[in-house]
């Protein structure tokens, strides 16, 4: 590698001195603006000219003018100092807990039902936190977490992914949603084995809720995959049920929102232990803000008690979801 014409790196003090002169076009005013003496200011600008190998100023007895090179470099200098200022502000922000940006990834079958609680908590308790929400499917969220594009995830677990730490929040039961005239509609204590005979509507591939529903069907003794009609979201899925195309499984947190849109739906509850899923926050192992994420998880558990869920504090069991 050739190192010819290697020049000394300009210092921030030199850049600030030149930026002040470029703004005021007067050494005395520029020196006063940045709190240095005129000789120190003049020396810093001269040192910058030497470091860069160009003349930045045209000095006369009455005034100071920028040279053509000085005009161009003044623009760059202003941009550099602005970025340095932003860097310092960012460092100050991240050094204080619950400040700066937090990029939260959320799966689609959680986002509409839990985000109101999450956003209210952040607004009330952590007003200086810049929360940015990204709704994506599980595979995309995990990829974003590993790449550093996302900081924290809110999704169904267990994940079984090395390098990812799960902070469990709650368990919630699944409820069967049926058309108005279905024989199971409105019943309580239905056995899981009833799923063996149903035309069960599922979400598209890629949704973890689809995989959970298939696991529940297999545990109920159903060998075939009940896939005749699928949907991209729970809202569409429920409307298909209302239209008489079959039944579906909904998590309890989604039930009120999704079934309130139609009068042609009934729900049925399973006998204990009902099939369920676990929702957790997930972070990178060794995350610099791990203590903040653990505190956020604890705060969420308290606020989520208002929902039809069972708050949990320990690690997810190996056989979950049931």
Protein backbone atom coordinates (compact mmCIF):
# COMPACT_ATOMS: atom_id res chain seq x y z
CA UNK A 1 0.00 0.00 0.00
CA UNK A 2 1.41 3.41 -0.98
CA UNK A 3 1.63 6.02 1.74
CA UNK A 4 2.76 8.91 -0.40
CA UNK A 5 1.53 12.44 0.38
CA UNK A 6 0.48 11.29 3.84
CA UNK A 7 -0.78 14.30 5.82
CA UNK A 8 -1.47 14.76 9.47
CA UNK A 9 -5.05 14.24 10.59
CA UNK A 10 -6.79 17.50 11.52
CA UNK A 11 -7.97 17.71 15.11
CA UNK A 12 -11.50 18.55 16.23
CA UNK A 13 -10.14 21.73 17.86
CA UNK A 14 -8.74 22.84 14.51
CA UNK A 15 -12.00 22.08 12.73
CA UNK A 16 -14.01 23.98 15.33
CA UNK A 17 -11.69 26.97 15.03
CA UNK A 18 -11.99 27.05 11.25
CA UNK A 19 -15.78 26.58 11.38
CA UNK A 20 -16.05 29.56 13.73
CA UNK A 21 -13.94 31.76 11.46
CA UNK A 22 -15.90 30.62 8.40
CA UNK A 23 -19.13 31.58 10.14
CA UNK A 24 -18.08 34.96 11.57
CA UNK A 25 -15.35 35.99 9.08
CA UNK A 26 -13.76 37.77 12.02
CA UNK A 27 -11.06 36.37 14.31
CA UNK A 28 -12.15 38.24 17.43
CA UNK A 29 -15.80 37.28 17.09
CA UNK A 30 -14.91 33.69 16.18
CA UNK A 31 -12.58 33.37 19.17
CA UNK A 32 -15.27 34.70 21.51
CA UNK A 33 -17.85 32.31 20.03
CA UNK A 34 -15.83 29.20 20.91
CA UNK A 35 -14.18 30.58 24.05
CA UNK A 36 -10.51 30.70 23.02
CA UNK A 37 -7.99 33.48 22.59
CA UNK A 38 -7.38 35.04 19.19
CA UNK A 39 -3.78 33.75 19.02
CA UNK A 40 -4.98 30.22 19.84
CA UNK A 41 -7.70 30.47 17.19
CA UNK A 42 -5.28 31.76 14.56
CA UNK A 43 -2.79 29.05 15.43
CA UNK A 44 -5.42 26.32 15.13
CA UNK A 45 -6.53 27.53 11.70
CA UNK A 46 -2.91 27.74 10.50
CA UNK A 47 -2.28 24.22 11.79
CA UNK A 48 -5.35 23.00 9.88
CA UNK A 49 -4.11 24.62 6.68
CA UNK A 50 -0.74 22.91 7.16
CA UNK A 51 -2.38 19.55 7.89
CA UNK A 52 -4.60 19.75 4.80
CA UNK A 53 -2.00 21.37 2.57
CA UNK A 54 -4.36 24.10 1.34
CA UNK A 55 -4.96 27.78 2.04
CA UNK A 56 -8.35 28.22 3.67
CA UNK A 57 -8.40 31.96 4.39
CA UNK A 58 -7.43 35.16 2.63
CA UNK A 59 -6.28 37.52 5.36
CA UNK A 60 -6.29 41.30 4.90
CA UNK A 61 -5.81 44.11 7.38
CA UNK A 62 -9.54 44.79 7.51
CA UNK A 63 -11.34 41.45 7.09
CA UNK A 64 -11.08 37.71 6.59
CA UNK A 65 -12.30 35.97 3.45
CA UNK A 66 -12.64 32.30 2.62
CA UNK A 67 -10.51 31.08 -0.25
CA UNK A 68 -12.22 28.93 -2.91
CA UNK A 69 -10.81 25.87 -1.17
CA UNK A 70 -11.91 27.28 2.19
CA UNK A 71 -15.50 27.64 0.97
CA UNK A 72 -15.64 24.00 -0.04
CA UNK A 73 -13.93 22.68 3.07
CA UNK A 74 -16.12 24.85 5.32
CA UNK A 75 -19.14 22.86 4.13
CA UNK A 76 -17.38 19.58 4.90
CA UNK A 77 -16.19 20.87 8.26
CA UNK A 78 -19.70 21.82 9.29
CA UNK A 79 -20.97 18.35 8.36
CA UNK A 80 -18.14 16.62 10.25
CA UNK A 81 -18.75 18.64 13.40
CA UNK A 82 -22.49 17.97 13.16
CA UNK A 83 -21.84 14.21 12.97
CA UNK A 84 -19.44 14.38 15.92
CA UNK A 85 -22.10 16.21 17.91
CA UNK A 86 -24.66 13.56 17.00
CA UNK A 87 -22.20 10.84 18.03
CA UNK A 88 -21.69 12.44 21.42
CA UNK A 89 -25.44 12.87 21.92
CA UNK A 90 -26.00 9.22 21.02
CA UNK A 91 -23.27 8.07 23.42
CA UNK A 92 -24.83 10.15 26.18
CA UNK A 93 -28.26 8.76 25.40
CA UNK A 94 -27.26 5.10 25.43
CA UNK A 95 -25.31 5.55 28.64
CA UNK A 96 -28.56 6.43 30.41
CA UNK A 97 -31.14 3.62 30.82
CA UNK A 98 -34.30 3.67 28.72
CA UNK A 99 -33.13 6.44 26.40
CA UNK A 100 -32.23 6.38 22.73
CA UNK A 101 -33.69 4.02 20.13
CA UNK A 102 -35.14 0.57 20.89
CA UNK A 103 -36.05 -1.43 17.78
CA UNK A 104 -38.74 -3.92 18.77
CA UNK A 105 -39.76 -6.76 16.46
CA UNK A 106 -43.24 -8.26 16.92
CA UNK A 107 -44.99 -11.19 15.23
CA UNK A 108 -48.32 -10.42 13.47
CA UNK A 109 -50.38 -12.66 15.77
CA UNK A 110 -49.22 -10.62 18.78
CA UNK A 111 -48.83 -7.06 17.51
CA UNK A 112 -52.48 -5.90 17.30
CA UNK A 113 -53.40 -7.28 20.71
CA UNK A 114 -50.36 -6.55 22.90
CA UNK A 115 -48.93 -3.38 21.35
CA UNK A 116 -51.52 -1.10 23.03
CA UNK A 117 -50.25 -2.31 26.41
CA UNK A 118 -46.59 -2.07 25.36
CA UNK A 119 -46.95 1.42 23.89
CA UNK A 120 -48.86 2.71 26.90
CA UNK A 121 -46.21 1.33 29.24
CA UNK A 122 -43.35 2.91 27.28
CA UNK A 123 -45.17 6.25 27.01
CA UNK A 124 -45.97 6.41 30.73
CA UNK A 125 -42.86 4.89 32.28
CA UNK A 126 -40.07 5.44 29.73
CA UNK A 127 -40.89 8.73 27.95
CA UNK A 128 -37.31 9.23 26.74
CA UNK A 129 -37.21 5.86 24.98
CA UNK A 130 -37.57 6.06 21.19
CA UNK A 131 -39.49 2.84 20.52
CA UNK A 132 -39.53 1.71 16.88
CA UNK A 133 -41.83 -1.24 16.06
CA UNK A 134 -41.31 -3.74 13.22
CA UNK A 135 -44.02 -6.34 12.52
CA UNK A 136 -42.55 -9.42 10.82
CA UNK A 137 -42.80 -13.18 10.91
CA UNK A 138 -40.60 -15.14 13.31
CA UNK A 139 -37.86 -16.15 10.85
CA UNK A 140 -37.39 -12.56 9.69
CA UNK A 141 -37.35 -11.28 13.27
CA UNK A 142 -34.66 -13.75 14.32
CA UNK A 143 -32.59 -12.83 11.29
CA UNK A 144 -32.93 -9.15 12.19
CA UNK A 145 -31.94 -9.80 15.80
CA UNK A 146 -28.83 -11.75 14.77
CA UNK A 147 -27.81 -9.06 12.27
CA UNK A 148 -28.29 -6.22 14.75
CA UNK A 149 -31.17 -4.70 12.77
CA UNK A 150 -33.49 -5.36 15.74
CA UNK A 151 -32.75 -5.08 19.46
CA UNK A 152 -35.59 -6.99 21.10
CA UNK A 153 -38.35 -9.34 19.95
CA UNK A 154 -41.88 -10.03 21.19
CA UNK A 155 -42.99 -13.44 19.96
CA UNK A 156 -44.05 -17.00 20.74
CA UNK A 157 -41.51 -19.34 22.32
CA UNK A 158 -39.69 -21.65 22.75
CA UNK A 159 -37.37 -20.74 19.88
CA UNK A 160 -34.49 -23.08 20.52
CA UNK A 161 -32.06 -20.70 18.84
CA UNK A 162 -28.46 -20.54 20.13
CA UNK A 163 -27.40 -17.09 21.26
CA UNK A 164 -30.97 -15.92 21.93
CA UNK A 165 -32.20 -15.42 25.50
CA UNK A 166 -35.93 -15.68 26.19
CA UNK A 167 -37.65 -13.59 28.87
CA UNK A 168 -41.05 -15.28 29.34
CA UNK A 169 -44.05 -13.02 29.86
CA UNK A 170 -47.23 -15.13 29.90
CA UNK A 171 -49.13 -18.20 28.75
CA UNK A 172 -52.49 -17.91 27.02
CA UNK A 173 -55.04 -20.54 26.06
CA UNK A 174 -56.35 -21.18 22.58
CA UNK A 175 -60.09 -20.97 21.95
CA UNK A 176 -62.00 -22.65 19.13
CA UNK A 177 -63.94 -20.20 16.94
CA UNK A 178 -66.85 -21.70 15.00
CA UNK A 179 -69.64 -20.59 12.66
CA UNK A 180 -72.94 -19.70 14.29
CA UNK A 181 -74.59 -23.05 13.52
CA UNK A 182 -71.66 -25.31 14.45
CA UNK A 183 -72.36 -28.12 16.91
CA UNK A 184 -69.39 -27.17 19.10
CA UNK A 185 -70.22 -23.46 19.18
CA UNK A 186 -70.71 -22.01 22.67
CA UNK A 187 -69.64 -25.18 24.50
CA UNK A 188 -67.19 -25.37 27.41
CA UNK A 189 -64.89 -28.24 28.30
CA UNK A 190 -64.61 -29.71 24.82
CA UNK A 191 -61.93 -32.42 24.47
CA UNK A 192 -58.95 -31.82 22.22
CA UNK A 193 -59.89 -34.95 20.34
CA UNK A 194 -62.76 -32.97 18.80
CA UNK A 195 -60.15 -31.34 16.54
CA UNK A 196 -59.70 -34.66 14.73
CA UNK A 197 -62.98 -34.23 12.86
CA UNK A 198 -63.00 -30.47 12.18
CA UNK A 199 -62.35 -28.53 9.01
CA UNK A 200 -59.71 -26.33 10.61
CA UNK A 201 -58.66 -23.12 8.87
CA UNK A 202 -55.03 -22.06 9.27
CA UNK A 203 -52.73 -19.13 8.64
CA UNK A 204 -50.29 -19.21 5.73
CA UNK A 205 -46.93 -20.92 6.08
CA UNK A 206 -44.35 -18.90 7.98
CA UNK A 207 -46.65 -17.96 10.85
CA UNK A 208 -45.70 -19.63 14.11
CA UNK A 209 -49.38 -19.78 15.04
CA UNK A 210 -49.94 -22.12 12.09
CA UNK A 211 -47.22 -24.44 13.38
CA UNK A 212 -48.70 -24.34 16.88
CA UNK A 213 -52.15 -25.23 15.55
CA UNK A 214 -50.71 -28.18 13.63
CA UNK A 215 -48.88 -29.34 16.77
CA UNK A 216 -52.14 -29.19 18.74
CA UNK A 217 -53.88 -31.24 16.04
CA UNK A 218 -51.15 -33.89 16.11
CA UNK A 219 -51.33 -34.08 19.90
CA UNK A 220 -55.10 -34.56 19.55
CA UNK A 221 -54.46 -37.60 17.36
CA UNK A 222 -54.93 -36.01 13.97
CA UNK A 223 -52.38 -37.27 11.48
CA UNK A 224 -53.32 -35.27 8.39
CA UNK A 225 -52.63 -31.55 8.00
CA UNK A 226 -56.07 -29.86 7.88
CA UNK A 227 -55.17 -27.46 5.09
CA UNK A 228 -57.95 -26.58 2.68
CA UNK A 229 -58.09 -22.81 3.07
CA UNK A 230 -55.46 -20.49 4.54
CA UNK A 231 -55.24 -16.78 5.29
CA UNK A 232 -52.48 -14.19 5.71
CA UNK A 233 -53.87 -12.80 8.97
CA UNK A 234 -56.20 -13.62 11.84
CA UNK A 235 -58.81 -11.07 10.76
CA UNK A 236 -59.28 -12.80 7.41
CA UNK A 237 -59.23 -16.21 9.06
CA UNK A 238 -62.08 -15.27 11.40
CA UNK A 239 -64.14 -13.85 8.55
CA UNK A 240 -63.74 -17.14 6.70
CA UNK A 241 -65.10 -18.89 9.77
CA UNK A 242 -68.05 -16.47 9.87
CA UNK A 243 -68.71 -17.37 6.25
CA UNK A 244 -69.07 -21.03 7.19
CA UNK A 245 -65.86 -22.36 5.65
CA UNK A 246 -64.64 -24.03 8.83
CA UNK A 247 -63.32 -23.41 12.35
CA UNK A 248 -60.08 -21.96 13.65
CA UNK A 249 -58.00 -21.58 16.79
CA UNK A 250 -57.46 -18.13 18.29
CA UNK A 251 -55.27 -17.11 21.22
CA UNK A 252 -57.27 -15.54 24.03
CA UNK A 253 -55.65 -12.11 23.61
CA UNK A 254 -56.98 -11.92 20.05
CA UNK A 255 -60.47 -13.16 20.79
CA UNK A 256 -62.31 -9.93 21.66
CA UNK A 257 -60.80 -7.91 18.83
CA UNK A 258 -61.33 -10.48 16.11
CA UNK A 259 -64.75 -11.90 17.01
CA UNK A 260 -66.37 -8.50 17.62
CA UNK A 261 -66.44 -7.86 13.88
CA UNK A 262 -69.14 -10.44 13.16
CA UNK A 263 -72.35 -11.69 14.77
CA UNK A 264 -72.03 -15.01 12.96
CA UNK A 265 -69.43 -16.51 15.27
CA UNK A 266 -69.40 -18.63 18.41
CA UNK A 267 -66.53 -19.72 20.62
CA UNK A 268 -65.84 -22.99 22.40
CA UNK A 269 -63.41 -23.53 25.26
CA UNK A 270 -61.30 -26.64 25.75
CA UNK A 271 -61.20 -28.80 28.83
CA UNK A 272 -58.22 -28.26 31.11
CA UNK A 273 -55.39 -28.29 30.37
CA UNK A 274 -56.32 -26.24 27.30
CA UNK A 275 -53.85 -25.95 24.43
CA UNK A 276 -51.83 -22.79 24.90
CA UNK A 277 -48.86 -20.76 23.73
CA UNK A 278 -46.16 -18.83 25.58
CA UNK A 279 -45.21 -15.26 24.67
CA UNK A 280 -41.84 -13.82 25.61
CA UNK A 281 -39.34 -11.11 24.90
CA UNK A 282 -36.17 -12.35 23.22
CA UNK A 283 -32.76 -10.68 23.13
CA UNK A 284 -29.24 -11.50 22.02
CA UNK A 285 -27.15 -13.28 24.63
CA UNK A 286 -24.76 -10.77 26.14
CA UNK A 287 -26.80 -7.77 24.95
CA UNK A 288 -25.38 -4.52 26.31
CA UNK A 289 -28.86 -3.45 27.44
CA UNK A 290 -29.82 -6.80 28.97
CA UNK A 291 -30.63 -5.26 32.36
CA UNK A 292 -33.02 -2.78 30.68
CA UNK A 293 -34.74 -5.55 28.77
CA UNK A 294 -35.19 -7.59 31.94
CA UNK A 295 -36.68 -4.57 33.70
CA UNK A 296 -38.99 -3.97 30.73
CA UNK A 297 -40.11 -7.61 30.86
CA UNK A 298 -40.91 -7.28 34.57
CA UNK A 299 -42.91 -4.11 33.96
CA UNK A 300 -44.81 -5.76 31.11
CA UNK A 301 -45.74 -8.74 33.27
CA UNK A 302 -47.42 -6.38 35.72
CA UNK A 303 -49.37 -4.51 33.05
CA UNK A 304 -50.35 -7.68 31.17
CA UNK A 305 -52.20 -9.02 34.21
CA UNK A 306 -55.24 -7.11 32.93
CA UNK A 307 -55.41 -9.43 29.89
CA UNK A 308 -56.81 -13.01 29.84
CA UNK A 309 -53.36 -14.56 30.33
CA UNK A 310 -51.29 -16.35 32.98
CA UNK A 311 -48.19 -14.34 33.77
CA UNK A 312 -45.03 -16.46 34.09
CA UNK A 313 -41.62 -15.68 35.52
CA UNK A 314 -39.50 -18.76 34.91
CA UNK A 315 -37.94 -20.23 31.75
CA UNK A 316 -40.33 -21.89 29.27
CA UNK A 317 -40.70 -25.63 29.80
CA UNK A 318 -39.36 -27.96 27.10
CA UNK A 319 -42.82 -29.28 26.17
CA UNK A 320 -44.36 -25.85 25.59
CA UNK A 321 -46.63 -25.05 23.74
CA UNK A 322 -48.82 -27.85 24.95
